[in-house]
Full PDB file with SEQRES, HELIX, SHEET, SSBOND, CRYST1, ORIGX, SCALE, CONECT and MASTER records, all heavy atoms in Angstrom:
SEQRES   1 A   38  LEU SER VAL VAL SER ARG LEU PRO PHE ILE GLN GLU GLN          
SEQRES   2 A   38  LEU PHE ALA LEU PHE ASP LEU VAL PRO GLY LEU GLU TYR          
SEQRES   3 A   38  CYS ASP VAL GLN ARG ASP PRO HIS THR ASN SER GLY              
HELIX    1 AA1 GLN A   11  PHE A   18  1                                   8    
CRYST1    1.000    1.000    1.000  90.00  90.00  90.00 P 1           1          
ORIGX1      1.000000  0.000000  0.000000        0.00000                         
ORIGX2      0.000000  1.000000  0.000000        0.00000                         
ORIGX3      0.000000  0.000000  1.000000        0.00000                         
SCALE1      1.000000  0.000000  0.000000        0.00000                         
SCALE2      0.000000  1.000000  0.000000        0.00000                         
SCALE3      0.000000  0.000000  1.000000        0.00000                         
ATOM      1  N   LEU A   1     -10.220   2.892  -0.994  1.00  0.00           N  
ATOM      2  CA  LEU A   1      -9.629   3.151   0.297  1.00  0.00           C  
ATOM      3  C   LEU A   1      -8.285   3.832   0.193  1.00  0.00           C  
ATOM      4  O   LEU A   1      -7.547   3.597  -0.749  1.00  0.00           O  
ATOM      5  CB  LEU A   1      -9.451   1.844   1.096  1.00  0.00           C  
ATOM      6  CG  LEU A   1     -10.664   0.992   1.354  1.00  0.00           C  
ATOM      7  CD1 LEU A   1     -10.274  -0.334   1.904  1.00  0.00           C  
ATOM      8  CD2 LEU A   1     -11.623   1.626   2.340  1.00  0.00           C  
ATOM      9  N   SER A   2      -8.023   4.690   1.194  1.00  0.00           N  
ATOM     10  CA  SER A   2      -6.658   5.257   1.374  1.00  0.00           C  
ATOM     11  C   SER A   2      -5.987   4.566   2.533  1.00  0.00           C  
ATOM     12  O   SER A   2      -6.560   4.388   3.579  1.00  0.00           O  
ATOM     13  CB  SER A   2      -6.787   6.717   1.642  1.00  0.00           C  
ATOM     14  OG  SER A   2      -5.554   7.302   2.141  1.00  0.00           O  
ATOM     15  N   VAL A   3      -4.752   4.158   2.283  1.00  0.00           N  
ATOM     16  CA  VAL A   3      -3.957   3.488   3.344  1.00  0.00           C  
ATOM     17  C   VAL A   3      -2.722   4.310   3.625  1.00  0.00           C  
ATOM     18  O   VAL A   3      -1.922   4.597   2.685  1.00  0.00           O  
ATOM     19  CB  VAL A   3      -3.592   2.041   2.910  1.00  0.00           C  
ATOM     20  CG1 VAL A   3      -2.909   1.375   4.109  1.00  0.00           C  
ATOM     21  CG2 VAL A   3      -4.781   1.285   2.461  1.00  0.00           C  
ATOM     22  N   VAL A   4      -2.508   4.701   4.898  1.00  0.00           N  
ATOM     23  CA  VAL A   4      -1.333   5.535   5.244  1.00  0.00           C  
ATOM     24  C   VAL A   4      -0.576   4.830   6.297  1.00  0.00           C  
ATOM     25  O   VAL A   4      -1.074   4.187   7.162  1.00  0.00           O  
ATOM     26  CB  VAL A   4      -1.819   6.921   5.746  1.00  0.00           C  
ATOM     27  CG1 VAL A   4      -0.652   7.809   6.110  1.00  0.00           C  
ATOM     28  CG2 VAL A   4      -2.661   7.623   4.717  1.00  0.00           C  
ATOM     29  N   SER A   5       0.803   4.975   6.200  1.00  0.00           N  
ATOM     30  CA  SER A   5       1.678   4.331   7.180  1.00  0.00           C  
ATOM     31  C   SER A   5       2.935   5.321   7.341  1.00  0.00           C  
ATOM     32  O   SER A   5       3.318   6.024   6.432  1.00  0.00           O  
ATOM     33  CB  SER A   5       2.117   3.003   6.651  1.00  0.00           C  
ATOM     34  OG  SER A   5       3.345   2.576   7.355  1.00  0.00           O  
ATOM     35  N   ARG A   6       3.512   5.214   8.522  1.00  0.00           N  
ATOM     36  CA  ARG A   6       4.740   6.051   8.758  1.00  0.00           C  
ATOM     37  C   ARG A   6       5.975   5.428   8.113  1.00  0.00           C  
ATOM     38  O   ARG A   6       6.985   6.012   8.010  1.00  0.00           O  
ATOM     39  CB  ARG A   6       4.989   6.293  10.226  1.00  0.00           C  
ATOM     40  CG  ARG A   6       5.108   5.070  11.073  1.00  0.00           C  
ATOM     41  CD  ARG A   6       5.244   5.408  12.529  1.00  0.00           C  
ATOM     42  NE  ARG A   6       5.277   4.189  13.371  1.00  0.00           N  
ATOM     43  CZ  ARG A   6       6.358   3.560  13.652  1.00  0.00           C  
ATOM     44  NH1 ARG A   6       7.505   3.888  13.130  1.00  0.00           N  
ATOM     45  NH2 ARG A   6       6.315   2.451  14.441  1.00  0.00           N  
ATOM     46  N   LEU A   7       5.801   4.082   7.697  1.00  0.00           N  
ATOM     47  CA  LEU A   7       6.862   3.420   7.017  1.00  0.00           C  
ATOM     48  C   LEU A   7       6.470   3.172   5.548  1.00  0.00           C  
ATOM     49  O   LEU A   7       5.274   2.998   5.187  1.00  0.00           O  
ATOM     50  CB  LEU A   7       7.146   2.062   7.654  1.00  0.00           C  
ATOM     51  CG  LEU A   7       7.613   2.097   9.116  1.00  0.00           C  
ATOM     52  CD1 LEU A   7       7.786   0.679   9.623  1.00  0.00           C  
ATOM     53  CD2 LEU A   7       8.963   2.909   9.212  1.00  0.00           C  
ATOM     54  N   PRO A   8       7.416   3.111   4.639  1.00  0.00           N  
ATOM     55  CA  PRO A   8       7.089   2.889   3.217  1.00  0.00           C  
ATOM     56  C   PRO A   8       6.527   1.474   2.984  1.00  0.00           C  
ATOM     57  O   PRO A   8       6.848   0.577   3.698  1.00  0.00           O  
ATOM     58  CB  PRO A   8       8.434   3.106   2.462  1.00  0.00           C  
ATOM     59  CG  PRO A   8       9.460   2.825   3.547  1.00  0.00           C  
ATOM     60  CD  PRO A   8       8.891   3.303   4.825  1.00  0.00           C  
ATOM     61  N   PHE A   9       5.714   1.370   1.978  1.00  0.00           N  
ATOM     62  CA  PHE A   9       5.118   0.054   1.622  1.00  0.00           C  
ATOM     63  C   PHE A   9       5.922  -0.649   0.592  1.00  0.00           C  
ATOM     64  O   PHE A   9       6.591   0.007  -0.237  1.00  0.00           O  
ATOM     65  CB  PHE A   9       3.663   0.246   1.072  1.00  0.00           C  
ATOM     66  CG  PHE A   9       2.689   0.755   2.078  1.00  0.00           C  
ATOM     67  CD1 PHE A   9       1.855   1.872   1.825  1.00  0.00           C  
ATOM     68  CD2 PHE A   9       2.497   0.100   3.267  1.00  0.00           C  
ATOM     69  CE1 PHE A   9       0.970   2.316   2.731  1.00  0.00           C  
ATOM     70  CE2 PHE A   9       1.626   0.581   4.235  1.00  0.00           C  
ATOM     71  CZ  PHE A   9       0.837   1.678   4.000  1.00  0.00           C  
ATOM     72  N   ILE A  10       5.849  -1.945   0.530  1.00  0.00           N  
ATOM     73  CA  ILE A  10       6.278  -2.752  -0.596  1.00  0.00           C  
ATOM     74  C   ILE A  10       5.084  -3.222  -1.391  1.00  0.00           C  
ATOM     75  O   ILE A  10       4.172  -3.825  -0.804  1.00  0.00           O  
ATOM     76  CB  ILE A  10       7.093  -3.946  -0.146  1.00  0.00           C  
ATOM     77  CG1 ILE A  10       8.377  -3.449   0.622  1.00  0.00           C  
ATOM     78  CG2 ILE A  10       7.524  -4.876  -1.278  1.00  0.00           C  
ATOM     79  CD1 ILE A  10       9.142  -4.583   1.297  1.00  0.00           C  
ATOM     80  N   GLN A  11       5.077  -2.812  -2.648  1.00  0.00           N  
ATOM     81  CA  GLN A  11       3.876  -3.072  -3.520  1.00  0.00           C  
ATOM     82  C   GLN A  11       3.315  -4.493  -3.376  1.00  0.00           C  
ATOM     83  O   GLN A  11       2.139  -4.734  -3.104  1.00  0.00           O  
ATOM     84  CB  GLN A  11       4.205  -2.748  -4.981  1.00  0.00           C  
ATOM     85  CG  GLN A  11       3.074  -3.116  -5.985  1.00  0.00           C  
ATOM     86  CD  GLN A  11       2.000  -2.090  -6.094  1.00  0.00           C  
ATOM     87  OE1 GLN A  11       2.238  -0.896  -5.832  1.00  0.00           O  
ATOM     88  NE2 GLN A  11       0.794  -2.494  -6.380  1.00  0.00           N  
ATOM     89  N   GLU A  12       4.162  -5.474  -3.531  1.00  0.00           N  
ATOM     90  CA  GLU A  12       3.745  -6.903  -3.566  1.00  0.00           C  
ATOM     91  C   GLU A  12       3.194  -7.293  -2.153  1.00  0.00           C  
ATOM     92  O   GLU A  12       2.152  -8.029  -2.133  1.00  0.00           O  
ATOM     93  CB  GLU A  12       4.912  -7.827  -3.908  1.00  0.00           C  
ATOM     94  CG  GLU A  12       5.359  -7.634  -5.381  1.00  0.00           C  
ATOM     95  CD  GLU A  12       6.257  -6.440  -5.566  1.00  0.00           C  
ATOM     96  OE1 GLU A  12       6.630  -5.778  -4.538  1.00  0.00           O  
ATOM     97  OE2 GLU A  12       6.600  -6.081  -6.709  1.00  0.00           O  
ATOM     98  N   GLN A  13       3.831  -6.850  -1.099  1.00  0.00           N  
ATOM     99  CA  GLN A  13       3.316  -7.262   0.190  1.00  0.00           C  
ATOM    100  C   GLN A  13       1.994  -6.608   0.538  1.00  0.00           C  
ATOM    101  O   GLN A  13       1.077  -7.279   1.085  1.00  0.00           O  
ATOM    102  CB  GLN A  13       4.356  -6.859   1.232  1.00  0.00           C  
ATOM    103  CG  GLN A  13       5.651  -7.675   1.128  1.00  0.00           C  
ATOM    104  CD  GLN A  13       6.682  -7.329   2.111  1.00  0.00           C  
ATOM    105  OE1 GLN A  13       6.523  -6.338   2.915  1.00  0.00           O  
ATOM    106  NE2 GLN A  13       7.791  -8.046   2.214  1.00  0.00           N  
ATOM    107  N   LEU A  14       1.801  -5.340   0.223  1.00  0.00           N  
ATOM    108  CA  LEU A  14       0.557  -4.678   0.444  1.00  0.00           C  
ATOM    109  C   LEU A  14      -0.565  -5.249  -0.346  1.00  0.00           C  
ATOM    110  O   LEU A  14      -1.682  -5.397   0.110  1.00  0.00           O  
ATOM    111  CB  LEU A  14       0.667  -3.160   0.244  1.00  0.00           C  
ATOM    112  CG  LEU A  14      -0.467  -2.273   0.862  1.00  0.00           C  
ATOM    113  CD1 LEU A  14      -0.370  -2.325   2.386  1.00  0.00           C  
ATOM    114  CD2 LEU A  14      -0.423  -0.883   0.376  1.00  0.00           C  
ATOM    115  N   PHE A  15      -0.239  -5.552  -1.612  1.00  0.00           N  
ATOM    116  CA  PHE A  15      -1.265  -6.210  -2.503  1.00  0.00           C  
ATOM    117  C   PHE A  15      -1.719  -7.543  -1.898  1.00  0.00           C  
ATOM    118  O   PHE A  15      -2.947  -7.791  -1.830  1.00  0.00           O  
ATOM    119  CB  PHE A  15      -0.699  -6.378  -3.913  1.00  0.00           C  
ATOM    120  CG  PHE A  15      -1.676  -6.971  -4.926  1.00  0.00           C  
ATOM    121  CD1 PHE A  15      -2.406  -6.179  -5.739  1.00  0.00           C  
ATOM    122  CD2 PHE A  15      -1.908  -8.326  -4.988  1.00  0.00           C  
ATOM    123  CE1 PHE A  15      -3.329  -6.698  -6.599  1.00  0.00           C  
ATOM    124  CE2 PHE A  15      -2.834  -8.849  -5.863  1.00  0.00           C  
ATOM    125  CZ  PHE A  15      -3.494  -8.009  -6.699  1.00  0.00           C  
ATOM    126  N   ALA A  16      -0.784  -8.312  -1.498  1.00  0.00           N  
ATOM    127  CA  ALA A  16      -1.072  -9.641  -0.883  1.00  0.00           C  
ATOM    128  C   ALA A  16      -1.939  -9.476   0.354  1.00  0.00           C  
ATOM    129  O   ALA A  16      -2.845 -10.282   0.574  1.00  0.00           O  
ATOM    130  CB  ALA A  16       0.173 -10.381  -0.557  1.00  0.00           C  
ATOM    131  N   LEU A  17      -1.670  -8.433   1.189  1.00  0.00           N  
ATOM    132  CA  LEU A  17      -2.389  -8.228   2.425  1.00  0.00           C  
ATOM    133  C   LEU A  17      -3.907  -7.917   2.081  1.00  0.00           C  
ATOM    134  O   LEU A  17      -4.826  -8.495   2.673  1.00  0.00           O  
ATOM    135  CB  LEU A  17      -1.814  -7.130   3.197  1.00  0.00           C  
ATOM    136  CG  LEU A  17      -2.483  -6.727   4.544  1.00  0.00           C  
ATOM    137  CD1 LEU A  17      -2.458  -7.869   5.542  1.00  0.00           C  
ATOM    138  CD2 LEU A  17      -1.814  -5.472   5.132  1.00  0.00           C  
ATOM    139  N   PHE A  18      -4.111  -6.956   1.199  1.00  0.00           N  
ATOM    140  CA  PHE A  18      -5.470  -6.517   0.891  1.00  0.00           C  
ATOM    141  C   PHE A  18      -6.221  -7.485  -0.037  1.00  0.00           C  
ATOM    142  O   PHE A  18      -7.421  -7.501  -0.101  1.00  0.00           O  
ATOM    143  CB  PHE A  18      -5.516  -5.109   0.315  1.00  0.00           C  
ATOM    144  CG  PHE A  18      -5.352  -4.045   1.388  1.00  0.00           C  
ATOM    145  CD1 PHE A  18      -4.112  -3.657   1.903  1.00  0.00           C  
ATOM    146  CD2 PHE A  18      -6.499  -3.417   1.927  1.00  0.00           C  
ATOM    147  CE1 PHE A  18      -4.025  -2.739   2.874  1.00  0.00           C  
ATOM    148  CE2 PHE A  18      -6.429  -2.456   2.894  1.00  0.00           C  
ATOM    149  CZ  PHE A  18      -5.147  -2.135   3.369  1.00  0.00           C  
ATOM    150  N   ASP A  19      -5.466  -8.372  -0.720  1.00  0.00           N  
ATOM    151  CA  ASP A  19      -6.077  -9.360  -1.602  1.00  0.00           C  
ATOM    152  C   ASP A  19      -6.663 -10.502  -0.760  1.00  0.00           C  
ATOM    153  O   ASP A  19      -7.414 -11.351  -1.357  1.00  0.00           O  
ATOM    154  CB  ASP A  19      -5.021  -9.939  -2.596  1.00  0.00           C  
ATOM    155  CG  ASP A  19      -5.622 -10.686  -3.719  1.00  0.00           C  
ATOM    156  OD1 ASP A  19      -6.713 -10.255  -4.230  1.00  0.00           O  
ATOM    157  OD2 ASP A  19      -5.031 -11.760  -4.100  1.00  0.00           O  
ATOM    158  N   LEU A  20      -6.453 -10.498   0.526  1.00  0.00           N  
ATOM    159  CA  LEU A  20      -7.113 -11.469   1.400  1.00  0.00           C  
ATOM    160  C   LEU A  20      -8.607 -11.266   1.420  1.00  0.00           C  
ATOM    161  O   LEU A  20      -9.387 -12.175   1.713  1.00  0.00           O  
ATOM    162  CB  LEU A  20      -6.571 -11.416   2.812  1.00  0.00           C  
ATOM    163  CG  LEU A  20      -5.109 -11.886   2.972  1.00  0.00           C  
ATOM    164  CD1 LEU A  20      -4.643 -11.538   4.432  1.00  0.00           C  
ATOM    165  CD2 LEU A  20      -4.991 -13.393   2.681  1.00  0.00           C  
ATOM    166  N   VAL A  21      -9.059 -10.037   1.148  1.00  0.00           N  
ATOM    167  CA  VAL A  21     -10.458  -9.653   0.996  1.00  0.00           C  
ATOM    168  C   VAL A  21     -10.847  -9.846  -0.456  1.00  0.00           C  
ATOM    169  O   VAL A  21     -10.156  -9.272  -1.324  1.00  0.00           O  
ATOM    170  CB  VAL A  21     -10.773  -8.294   1.468  1.00  0.00           C  
ATOM    171  CG1 VAL A  21     -12.216  -7.879   1.329  1.00  0.00           C  
ATOM    172  CG2 VAL A  21     -10.362  -8.111   2.970  1.00  0.00           C  
ATOM    173  N   PRO A  22     -11.897 -10.649  -0.793  1.00  0.00           N  
ATOM    174  CA  PRO A  22     -12.242 -10.780  -2.204  1.00  0.00           C  
ATOM    175  C   PRO A  22     -12.585  -9.505  -2.935  1.00  0.00           C  
ATOM    176  O   PRO A  22     -13.169  -8.631  -2.325  1.00  0.00           O  
ATOM    177  CB  PRO A  22     -13.478 -11.720  -2.123  1.00  0.00           C  
ATOM    178  CG  PRO A  22     -13.387 -12.379  -0.769  1.00  0.00           C  
ATOM    179  CD  PRO A  22     -12.729 -11.392   0.152  1.00  0.00           C  
ATOM    180  N   GLY A  23     -12.314  -9.460  -4.180  1.00  0.00           N  
ATOM    181  CA  GLY A  23     -12.713  -8.358  -5.024  1.00  0.00           C  
ATOM    182  C   GLY A  23     -11.734  -7.217  -5.199  1.00  0.00           C  
ATOM    183  O   GLY A  23     -12.079  -6.172  -5.723  1.00  0.00           O  
ATOM    184  N   LEU A  24     -10.435  -7.449  -4.826  1.00  0.00           N  
ATOM    185  CA  LEU A  24      -9.452  -6.381  -5.026  1.00  0.00           C  
ATOM    186  C   LEU A  24      -9.233  -6.172  -6.457  1.00  0.00           C  
ATOM    187  O   LEU A  24      -8.923  -7.013  -7.242  1.00  0.00           O  
ATOM    188  CB  LEU A  24      -8.123  -6.776  -4.337  1.00  0.00           C  
ATOM    189  CG  LEU A  24      -6.977  -5.792  -4.499  1.00  0.00           C  
ATOM    190  CD1 LEU A  24      -7.312  -4.521  -3.741  1.00  0.00           C  
ATOM    191  CD2 LEU A  24      -5.655  -6.411  -3.888  1.00  0.00           C  
ATOM    192  N   GLU A  25      -9.341  -4.857  -6.877  1.00  0.00           N  
ATOM    193  CA  GLU A  25      -9.196  -4.519  -8.279  1.00  0.00           C  
ATOM    194  C   GLU A  25      -7.829  -3.914  -8.567  1.00  0.00           C  
ATOM    195  O   GLU A  25      -7.175  -4.270  -9.558  1.00  0.00           O  
ATOM    196  CB  GLU A  25     -10.254  -3.508  -8.764  1.00  0.00           C  
ATOM    197  CG  GLU A  25     -11.651  -4.092  -8.783  1.00  0.00           C  
ATOM    198  CD  GLU A  25     -12.723  -3.159  -9.408  1.00  0.00           C  
ATOM    199  OE1 GLU A  25     -12.495  -1.911  -9.369  1.00  0.00           O  
ATOM    200  OE2 GLU A  25     -13.699  -3.671  -9.961  1.00  0.00           O  
ATOM    201  N   TYR A  26      -7.367  -3.047  -7.679  1.00  0.00           N  
ATOM    202  CA  TYR A  26      -5.995  -2.536  -7.853  1.00  0.00           C  
ATOM    203  C   TYR A  26      -5.434  -2.034  -6.527  1.00  0.00           C  
ATOM    204  O   TYR A  26      -6.179  -1.636  -5.567  1.00  0.00           O  
ATOM    205  CB  TYR A  26      -5.868  -1.525  -8.977  1.00  0.00           C  
ATOM    206  CG  TYR A  26      -6.481  -0.181  -8.701  1.00  0.00           C  
ATOM    207  CD1 TYR A  26      -5.843   0.763  -7.840  1.00  0.00           C  
ATOM    208  CD2 TYR A  26      -7.700   0.235  -9.170  1.00  0.00           C  
ATOM    209  CE1 TYR A  26      -6.424   2.027  -7.614  1.00  0.00           C  
ATOM    210  CE2 TYR A  26      -8.252   1.466  -9.026  1.00  0.00           C  
ATOM    211  CZ  TYR A  26      -7.593   2.331  -8.169  1.00  0.00           C  
ATOM    212  OH  TYR A  26      -8.173   3.577  -7.952  1.00  0.00           O  
ATOM    213  N   CYS A  27      -4.111  -1.972  -6.491  1.00  0.00           N  
ATOM    214  CA  CYS A  27      -3.351  -1.473  -5.301  1.00  0.00           C  
ATOM    215  C   CYS A  27      -2.274  -0.585  -5.800  1.00  0.00           C  
ATOM    216  O   CYS A  27      -1.328  -1.109  -6.524  1.00  0.00           O  
ATOM    217  CB  CYS A  27      -2.792  -2.604  -4.449  1.00  0.00           C  
ATOM    218  SG  CYS A  27      -1.688  -2.083  -3.160  1.00  0.00           S  
ATOM    219  N   ASP A  28      -2.354   0.666  -5.604  1.00  0.00           N  
ATOM    220  CA  ASP A  28      -1.394   1.640  -6.100  1.00  0.00           C  
ATOM    221  C   ASP A  28      -0.536   2.263  -4.948  1.00  0.00           C  
ATOM    222  O   ASP A  28      -1.104   3.027  -4.158  1.00  0.00           O  
ATOM    223  CB  ASP A  28      -2.113   2.799  -6.906  1.00  0.00           C  
ATOM    224  CG  ASP A  28      -1.162   3.824  -7.463  1.00  0.00           C  
ATOM    225  OD1 ASP A  28       0.004   3.459  -7.678  1.00  0.00           O  
ATOM    226  OD2 ASP A  28      -1.591   4.951  -7.650  1.00  0.00           O  
ATOM    227  N   VAL A  29       0.689   1.863  -4.832  1.00  0.00           N  
ATOM    228  CA  VAL A  29       1.547   2.333  -3.762  1.00  0.00           C  
ATOM    229  C   VAL A  29       2.342   3.549  -4.182  1.00  0.00           C  
ATOM    230  O   VAL A  29       2.938   3.532  -5.231  1.00  0.00           O  
ATOM    231  CB  VAL A  29       2.488   1.136  -3.304  1.00  0.00           C  
ATOM    232  CG1 VAL A  29       3.557   1.690  -2.351  1.00  0.00           C  
ATOM    233  CG2 VAL A  29       1.720   0.038  -2.649  1.00  0.00           C  
ATOM    234  N   GLN A  30       2.337   4.553  -3.302  1.00  0.00           N  
ATOM    235  CA  GLN A  30       3.152   5.750  -3.552  1.00  0.00           C  
ATOM    236  C   GLN A  30       4.034   6.041  -2.357  1.00  0.00           C  
ATOM    237  O   GLN A  30       3.780   5.551  -1.248  1.00  0.00           O  
ATOM    238  CB  GLN A  30       2.192   6.982  -3.799  1.00  0.00           C  
ATOM    239  CG  GLN A  30       1.281   6.752  -4.991  1.00  0.00           C  
ATOM    240  CD  GLN A  30       0.219   7.814  -5.090  1.00  0.00           C  
ATOM    241  OE1 GLN A  30       0.302   8.756  -4.411  1.00  0.00           O  
ATOM    242  NE2 GLN A  30      -0.728   7.633  -5.971  1.00  0.00           N  
ATOM    243  N   ARG A  31       5.070   6.829  -2.528  1.00  0.00           N  
ATOM    244  CA  ARG A  31       5.963   7.171  -1.442  1.00  0.00           C  
ATOM    245  C   ARG A  31       6.300   8.615  -1.480  1.00  0.00           C  
ATOM    246  O   ARG A  31       6.575   9.198  -2.449  1.00  0.00           O  
ATOM    247  CB  ARG A  31       7.234   6.360  -1.553  1.00  0.00           C  
ATOM    248  CG  ARG A  31       8.251   6.590  -0.411  1.00  0.00           C  
ATOM    249  CD  ARG A  31       9.510   5.774  -0.567  1.00  0.00           C  
ATOM    250  NE  ARG A  31       9.248   4.310  -0.469  1.00  0.00           N  
ATOM    251  CZ  ARG A  31      10.186   3.423  -0.511  1.00  0.00           C  
ATOM    252  NH1 ARG A  31      11.435   3.802  -0.645  1.00  0.00           N  
ATOM    253  NH2 ARG A  31       9.830   2.106  -0.486  1.00  0.00           N  
ATOM    254  N   ASP A  32       6.208   9.279  -0.255  1.00  0.00           N  
ATOM    255  CA  ASP A  32       6.571  10.605  -0.144  1.00  0.00           C  
ATOM    256  C   ASP A  32       8.116  10.729  -0.006  1.00  0.00           C  
ATOM    257  O   ASP A  32       8.690  10.242   0.964  1.00  0.00           O  
ATOM    258  CB  ASP A  32       5.931  11.178   1.131  1.00  0.00           C  
ATOM    259  CG  ASP A  32       6.128  12.706   1.311  1.00  0.00           C  
ATOM    260  OD1 ASP A  32       7.193  13.179   0.798  1.00  0.00           O  
ATOM    261  OD2 ASP A  32       5.242  13.391   1.882  1.00  0.00           O  
ATOM    262  N   PRO A  33       8.789  11.346  -0.980  1.00  0.00           N  
ATOM    263  CA  PRO A  33      10.317  11.390  -0.926  1.00  0.00           C  
ATOM    264  C   PRO A  33      10.823  12.192   0.221  1.00  0.00           C  
ATOM    265  O   PRO A  33      11.991  11.995   0.624  1.00  0.00           O  
ATOM    266  CB  PRO A  33      10.650  11.997  -2.238  1.00  0.00           C  
ATOM    267  CG  PRO A  33       9.430  12.792  -2.642  1.00  0.00           C  
ATOM    268  CD  PRO A  33       8.230  12.023  -2.101  1.00  0.00           C  
ATOM    269  N   HIS A  34      10.001  13.062   0.803  1.00  0.00           N  
ATOM    270  CA  HIS A  34      10.459  13.900   1.912  1.00  0.00           C  
ATOM    271  C   HIS A  34      10.374  13.242   3.257  1.00  0.00           C  
ATOM    272  O   HIS A  34      11.203  13.359   4.141  1.00  0.00           O  
ATOM    273  CB  HIS A  34       9.703  15.255   1.890  1.00  0.00           C  
ATOM    274  CG  HIS A  34       9.830  15.998   0.580  1.00  0.00           C  
ATOM    275  ND1 HIS A  34      11.015  16.523   0.136  1.00  0.00           N  
ATOM    276  CD2 HIS A  34       8.935  16.236  -0.400  1.00  0.00           C  
ATOM    277  CE1 HIS A  34      10.868  17.096  -1.061  1.00  0.00           C  
ATOM    278  NE2 HIS A  34       9.560  16.961  -1.391  1.00  0.00           N  
ATOM    279  N   THR A  35       9.232  12.596   3.521  1.00  0.00           N  
ATOM    280  CA  THR A  35       9.010  11.912   4.792  1.00  0.00           C  
ATOM    281  C   THR A  35       9.285  10.429   4.781  1.00  0.00           C  
ATOM    282  O   THR A  35       9.333   9.825   5.911  1.00  0.00           O  
ATOM    283  CB  THR A  35       7.572  12.189   5.258  1.00  0.00           C  
ATOM    284  OG1 THR A  35       6.673  11.470   4.310  1.00  0.00           O  
ATOM    285  CG2 THR A  35       7.249  13.649   5.284  1.00  0.00           C  
ATOM    286  N   ASN A  36       9.403   9.772   3.593  1.00  0.00           N  
ATOM    287  CA  ASN A  36       9.556   8.357   3.470  1.00  0.00           C  
ATOM    288  C   ASN A  36       8.389   7.611   4.065  1.00  0.00           C  
ATOM    289  O   ASN A  36       8.500   6.412   4.311  1.00  0.00           O  
ATOM    290  CB  ASN A  36      10.913   7.935   4.210  1.00  0.00           C  
ATOM    291  CG  ASN A  36      11.381   6.638   3.550  1.00  0.00           C  
ATOM    292  OD1 ASN A  36      11.305   6.451   2.352  1.00  0.00           O  
ATOM    293  ND2 ASN A  36      11.935   5.739   4.359  1.00  0.00           N  
ATOM    294  N   SER A  37       7.256   8.231   4.264  1.00  0.00           N  
ATOM    295  CA  SER A  37       6.078   7.507   4.750  1.00  0.00           C  
ATOM    296  C   SER A  37       5.438   6.758   3.637  1.00  0.00           C  
ATOM    297  O   SER A  37       5.723   7.036   2.420  1.00  0.00           O  
ATOM    298  CB  SER A  37       5.079   8.485   5.405  1.00  0.00           C  
ATOM    299  OG  SER A  37       4.684   9.400   4.496  1.00  0.00           O  
ATOM    300  N   GLY A  38       4.530   5.820   3.987  1.00  0.00           N  
ATOM    301  CA  GLY A  38       3.853   5.053   2.958  1.00  0.00           C  
ATOM    302  C   GLY A  38       2.480   5.535   2.703  1.00  0.00           C  
ATOM    303  O   GLY A  38       1.723   5.946   3.548  1.00  0.00           O  
TER     304      GLY A  38                                                      
MASTER        0    0    0    1    0    0    0    6  303    1    0    3          
END                                                                             
């Protein structure tokens, strides 16, 4: 899945949110330095 937000993500918080669904293998958070979006 691709997850997009107008605000930046915090790795630990986003991982905890999607880990509520069983089977999460990885969560890779990136940030656009120009727009600061998540």
